[in-house]
């Protein structure tokens, strides 16, 4: 995944099978802040329309709560990974400086 609206390519995450993207845009009803760029020539993805998903959640509130809990767990893990990577980069910079 690469940051959008930057003059250079900055890889912010590498996604694998079963990973999701577009979660932040879904949560805040906003535009994507990153672009997904495939390494392979063939990639299989499933797209879920956010409007349709919200309609399903209205009809099945218990499903919505399970979905949002799962999303929270995914985002928490990403934050942990990002924090760990940032700490590693800062330690390397301090050793060089």
N, C-alpha and C. Protein backbone atom coordinates (compact mmCIF):
# COMPACT_ATOMS: atom_id res chain seq x y z
N UNK A 1 0.85 -1.15 0.00
CA UNK A 1 0.00 0.00 0.00
C UNK A 1 0.90 1.23 0.00
N UNK A 2 0.59 2.20 -0.82
CA UNK A 2 1.40 3.41 -0.94
C UNK A 2 0.58 4.62 -0.58
N UNK A 3 1.24 5.62 0.02
CA UNK A 3 0.55 6.86 0.35
C UNK A 3 0.09 7.56 -0.92
N UNK A 4 -1.10 8.12 -0.87
CA UNK A 4 -1.63 8.87 -2.00
C UNK A 4 -1.23 10.33 -1.86
N UNK A 5 -1.30 11.05 -2.95
CA UNK A 5 -1.05 12.49 -2.98
C UNK A 5 0.36 12.86 -2.52
N UNK A 6 1.34 12.04 -2.85
CA UNK A 6 2.72 12.37 -2.57
C UNK A 6 3.48 12.37 -3.89
N UNK A 7 4.57 13.10 -3.94
CA UNK A 7 5.32 13.18 -5.19
C UNK A 7 6.20 11.96 -5.42
N UNK A 8 6.42 11.17 -4.39
CA UNK A 8 7.21 9.95 -4.54
C UNK A 8 6.46 8.78 -3.92
N UNK A 9 6.86 7.59 -4.32
CA UNK A 9 6.21 6.38 -3.80
C UNK A 9 6.75 6.08 -2.41
N UNK A 10 5.86 5.96 -1.46
CA UNK A 10 6.22 5.62 -0.09
C UNK A 10 5.37 4.41 0.30
N UNK A 11 6.03 3.29 0.48
CA UNK A 11 5.31 2.07 0.85
C UNK A 11 5.02 2.14 2.35
N UNK A 12 3.75 2.02 2.69
CA UNK A 12 3.37 2.09 4.11
C UNK A 12 2.95 0.73 4.66
N UNK A 13 2.67 -0.23 3.78
CA UNK A 13 2.29 -1.55 4.25
C UNK A 13 2.39 -2.54 3.10
N UNK A 14 2.61 -3.78 3.46
CA UNK A 14 2.56 -4.86 2.49
C UNK A 14 1.41 -5.77 2.90
N UNK A 15 0.50 -5.97 1.99
CA UNK A 15 -0.68 -6.78 2.27
C UNK A 15 -0.51 -8.17 1.70
N UNK A 16 -1.15 -9.12 2.33
CA UNK A 16 -1.09 -10.50 1.87
C UNK A 16 -2.48 -11.07 1.74
N UNK A 17 -2.54 -12.37 1.51
CA UNK A 17 -3.84 -13.03 1.39
C UNK A 17 -4.70 -12.77 2.63
N UNK A 18 -5.97 -12.55 2.40
CA UNK A 18 -6.96 -12.32 3.46
C UNK A 18 -6.86 -10.95 4.12
N UNK A 19 -5.89 -10.11 3.74
CA UNK A 19 -5.80 -8.76 4.30
C UNK A 19 -6.87 -7.86 3.69
N UNK A 20 -7.20 -6.81 4.43
CA UNK A 20 -8.19 -5.86 3.94
C UNK A 20 -7.54 -4.50 3.73
N UNK A 21 -8.15 -3.70 2.91
CA UNK A 21 -7.72 -2.32 2.71
C UNK A 21 -8.97 -1.47 2.51
N UNK A 22 -8.81 -0.17 2.64
CA UNK A 22 -9.96 0.73 2.51
C UNK A 22 -10.74 0.88 3.80
N UNK A 23 -10.21 0.33 4.87
CA UNK A 23 -10.92 0.36 6.15
C UNK A 23 -11.07 1.77 6.72
N UNK A 24 -10.04 2.58 6.62
CA UNK A 24 -10.12 3.94 7.16
C UNK A 24 -11.11 4.77 6.35
N UNK A 25 -11.07 4.66 5.04
CA UNK A 25 -12.03 5.38 4.20
C UNK A 25 -13.46 4.93 4.52
N UNK A 26 -13.64 3.66 4.79
CA UNK A 26 -14.96 3.15 5.17
C UNK A 26 -15.41 3.76 6.48
N UNK A 27 -14.52 3.79 7.46
CA UNK A 27 -14.89 4.28 8.79
C UNK A 27 -15.26 5.76 8.79
N UNK A 28 -14.52 6.56 8.04
CA UNK A 28 -14.81 8.00 8.07
C UNK A 28 -15.55 8.51 6.84
N UNK A 29 -16.09 7.58 6.05
CA UNK A 29 -16.83 7.96 4.84
C UNK A 29 -16.01 8.90 3.96
N UNK A 30 -14.73 8.69 3.93
CA UNK A 30 -13.84 9.57 3.18
C UNK A 30 -13.24 8.90 1.97
N UNK A 31 -12.28 9.57 1.42
CA UNK A 31 -11.56 9.04 0.28
C UNK A 31 -10.35 8.25 0.77
N UNK A 32 -9.88 7.38 -0.08
CA UNK A 32 -8.70 6.58 0.26
C UNK A 32 -7.49 7.48 0.42
N UNK A 33 -6.66 7.16 1.39
CA UNK A 33 -5.43 7.92 1.62
C UNK A 33 -4.20 7.18 1.11
N UNK A 34 -4.44 5.99 0.56
CA UNK A 34 -3.34 5.19 0.02
C UNK A 34 -3.86 4.42 -1.19
N UNK A 35 -2.92 4.02 -2.02
CA UNK A 35 -3.25 3.22 -3.20
C UNK A 35 -2.65 1.83 -3.03
N UNK A 36 -3.37 0.84 -3.49
CA UNK A 36 -2.87 -0.53 -3.44
C UNK A 36 -2.26 -0.84 -4.80
N UNK A 37 -1.01 -1.29 -4.78
CA UNK A 37 -0.29 -1.61 -6.01
C UNK A 37 0.13 -3.08 -5.92
N UNK A 38 -0.30 -3.87 -6.88
CA UNK A 38 -0.02 -5.30 -6.88
C UNK A 38 1.41 -5.58 -7.33
N UNK A 39 2.06 -6.52 -6.66
CA UNK A 39 3.38 -6.98 -7.07
C UNK A 39 3.29 -7.98 -8.20
N UNK A 40 2.22 -8.78 -8.18
CA UNK A 40 2.04 -9.84 -9.17
C UNK A 40 1.13 -9.36 -10.29
N UNK A 41 1.22 -10.02 -11.43
CA UNK A 41 0.38 -9.64 -12.56
C UNK A 41 -1.06 -10.11 -12.38
N UNK A 42 -1.28 -11.14 -11.57
CA UNK A 42 -2.63 -11.63 -11.31
C UNK A 42 -2.93 -11.55 -9.83
N UNK A 43 -4.00 -10.84 -9.51
CA UNK A 43 -4.42 -10.70 -8.12
C UNK A 43 -5.93 -10.85 -8.08
N UNK A 44 -6.41 -11.58 -7.09
CA UNK A 44 -7.85 -11.74 -6.93
C UNK A 44 -8.29 -10.95 -5.70
N UNK A 45 -9.28 -10.08 -5.89
CA UNK A 45 -9.79 -9.26 -4.79
C UNK A 45 -11.31 -9.32 -4.78
N UNK A 46 -11.87 -9.06 -3.62
CA UNK A 46 -13.31 -8.92 -3.47
C UNK A 46 -13.58 -7.48 -3.06
N UNK A 47 -14.53 -6.86 -3.71
CA UNK A 47 -14.90 -5.48 -3.38
C UNK A 47 -16.25 -5.51 -2.67
N UNK A 48 -16.33 -4.77 -1.59
CA UNK A 48 -17.58 -4.65 -0.86
C UNK A 48 -18.02 -3.19 -0.94
N UNK A 49 -19.20 -2.97 -1.45
CA UNK A 49 -19.75 -1.62 -1.56
C UNK A 49 -20.13 -1.13 -0.16
N UNK A 50 -19.57 0.01 0.25
CA UNK A 50 -19.79 0.48 1.62
C UNK A 50 -21.26 0.81 1.90
N UNK A 51 -21.95 1.35 0.93
CA UNK A 51 -23.37 1.67 1.12
C UNK A 51 -24.17 0.38 1.36
N UNK A 52 -23.90 -0.63 0.55
CA UNK A 52 -24.60 -1.91 0.71
C UNK A 52 -24.24 -2.57 2.04
N UNK A 53 -22.98 -2.47 2.44
CA UNK A 53 -22.55 -3.05 3.71
C UNK A 53 -23.27 -2.37 4.87
N UNK A 54 -23.37 -1.07 4.83
CA UNK A 54 -24.09 -0.35 5.89
C UNK A 54 -25.56 -0.76 5.95
N UNK A 55 -26.16 -1.03 4.80
CA UNK A 55 -27.55 -1.49 4.77
C UNK A 55 -27.68 -2.86 5.43
N UNK A 56 -26.72 -3.73 5.18
CA UNK A 56 -26.72 -5.05 5.83
C UNK A 56 -26.59 -4.87 7.34
N UNK A 57 -25.72 -3.96 7.77
CA UNK A 57 -25.54 -3.72 9.20
C UNK A 57 -26.81 -3.20 9.86
N UNK A 58 -27.56 -2.38 9.15
CA UNK A 58 -28.84 -1.89 9.69
C UNK A 58 -29.82 -3.05 9.88
N UNK A 59 -29.80 -3.98 8.97
CA UNK A 59 -30.70 -5.13 9.05
C UNK A 59 -30.23 -6.16 10.09
N UNK A 60 -28.92 -6.24 10.30
CA UNK A 60 -28.34 -7.23 11.22
C UNK A 60 -27.34 -6.55 12.17
N UNK A 61 -27.84 -5.87 13.19
CA UNK A 61 -26.96 -5.12 14.10
C UNK A 61 -25.89 -5.97 14.79
N UNK A 62 -26.20 -7.23 15.10
CA UNK A 62 -25.19 -8.08 15.74
C UNK A 62 -24.02 -8.35 14.81
N UNK A 63 -24.31 -8.48 13.53
CA UNK A 63 -23.25 -8.64 12.54
C UNK A 63 -22.38 -7.38 12.51
N UNK A 64 -23.01 -6.23 12.58
CA UNK A 64 -22.27 -4.96 12.58
C UNK A 64 -21.31 -4.90 13.77
N UNK A 65 -21.78 -5.28 14.95
CA UNK A 65 -20.90 -5.21 16.12
C UNK A 65 -19.72 -6.16 15.99
N UNK A 66 -19.93 -7.33 15.43
CA UNK A 66 -18.82 -8.28 15.22
C UNK A 66 -17.84 -7.75 14.18
N UNK A 67 -18.38 -7.15 13.12
CA UNK A 67 -17.55 -6.58 12.07
C UNK A 67 -16.65 -5.48 12.64
N UNK A 68 -17.25 -4.54 13.39
CA UNK A 68 -16.48 -3.43 13.93
C UNK A 68 -15.46 -3.89 14.97
N UNK A 69 -15.78 -4.91 15.73
CA UNK A 69 -14.81 -5.47 16.66
C UNK A 69 -13.64 -6.06 15.90
N UNK A 70 -13.91 -6.82 14.85
CA UNK A 70 -12.83 -7.39 14.03
C UNK A 70 -11.97 -6.29 13.41
N UNK A 71 -12.62 -5.25 12.95
CA UNK A 71 -11.89 -4.13 12.35
C UNK A 71 -11.01 -3.44 13.40
N UNK A 72 -11.52 -3.29 14.61
CA UNK A 72 -10.73 -2.69 15.69
C UNK A 72 -9.48 -3.52 15.99
N UNK A 73 -9.62 -4.83 15.99
CA UNK A 73 -8.48 -5.72 16.25
C UNK A 73 -7.44 -5.56 15.14
N UNK A 74 -7.89 -5.51 13.90
CA UNK A 74 -6.97 -5.33 12.77
C UNK A 74 -6.24 -4.00 12.87
N UNK A 75 -6.97 -2.94 13.15
CA UNK A 75 -6.35 -1.60 13.24
C UNK A 75 -5.39 -1.52 14.43
N UNK A 76 -5.74 -2.16 15.54
CA UNK A 76 -4.84 -2.16 16.70
C UNK A 76 -3.53 -2.87 16.36
N UNK A 77 -3.61 -3.98 15.64
CA UNK A 77 -2.39 -4.70 15.25
C UNK A 77 -1.55 -3.86 14.30
N UNK A 78 -2.20 -3.18 13.36
CA UNK A 78 -1.45 -2.31 12.45
C UNK A 78 -0.76 -1.18 13.21
N UNK A 79 -1.43 -0.62 14.20
CA UNK A 79 -0.82 0.44 15.00
C UNK A 79 0.38 -0.09 15.77
N UNK A 80 0.27 -1.27 16.34
CA UNK A 80 1.40 -1.89 17.03
C UNK A 80 2.57 -2.10 16.08
N UNK A 81 2.28 -2.63 14.89
CA UNK A 81 3.33 -2.87 13.90
C UNK A 81 4.00 -1.57 13.49
N UNK A 82 3.20 -0.53 13.26
CA UNK A 82 3.73 0.76 12.85
C UNK A 82 4.57 1.38 13.96
N UNK A 83 4.11 1.28 15.19
CA UNK A 83 4.86 1.81 16.33
C UNK A 83 6.19 1.10 16.48
N UNK A 84 6.18 -0.21 16.32
CA UNK A 84 7.41 -1.00 16.42
C UNK A 84 8.40 -0.59 15.31
N UNK A 85 7.88 -0.42 14.10
CA UNK A 85 8.73 -0.02 12.97
C UNK A 85 9.29 1.39 13.19
N UNK A 86 8.47 2.30 13.68
CA UNK A 86 8.92 3.66 13.96
C UNK A 86 10.00 3.66 15.03
N UNK A 87 9.82 2.89 16.07
CA UNK A 87 10.84 2.80 17.13
C UNK A 87 12.14 2.24 16.57
N UNK A 88 12.05 1.25 15.70
CA UNK A 88 13.26 0.68 15.08
C UNK A 88 13.98 1.71 14.23
N UNK A 89 13.22 2.46 13.43
CA UNK A 89 13.81 3.50 12.58
C UNK A 89 14.46 4.60 13.42
N UNK A 90 13.82 4.98 14.51
CA UNK A 90 14.37 6.03 15.37
C UNK A 90 15.65 5.54 16.04
N UNK A 91 15.68 4.28 16.46
CA UNK A 91 16.89 3.73 17.07
C UNK A 91 18.04 3.70 16.07
N UNK A 92 17.75 3.33 14.83
CA UNK A 92 18.79 3.33 13.79
C UNK A 92 19.31 4.74 13.54
N UNK A 93 18.40 5.70 13.49
CA UNK A 93 18.80 7.10 13.27
C UNK A 93 19.67 7.60 14.41
N UNK A 94 19.31 7.24 15.65
CA UNK A 94 20.08 7.68 16.81
C UNK A 94 21.48 7.09 16.80
N UNK A 95 21.63 5.85 16.36
CA UNK A 95 22.94 5.21 16.27
C UNK A 95 23.82 5.87 15.24
N UNK A 96 23.19 6.32 14.13
CA UNK A 96 23.95 6.98 13.06
C UNK A 96 24.32 8.41 13.42
N UNK A 97 23.44 9.07 14.19
CA UNK A 97 23.57 10.50 14.47
C UNK A 97 24.58 10.85 15.48
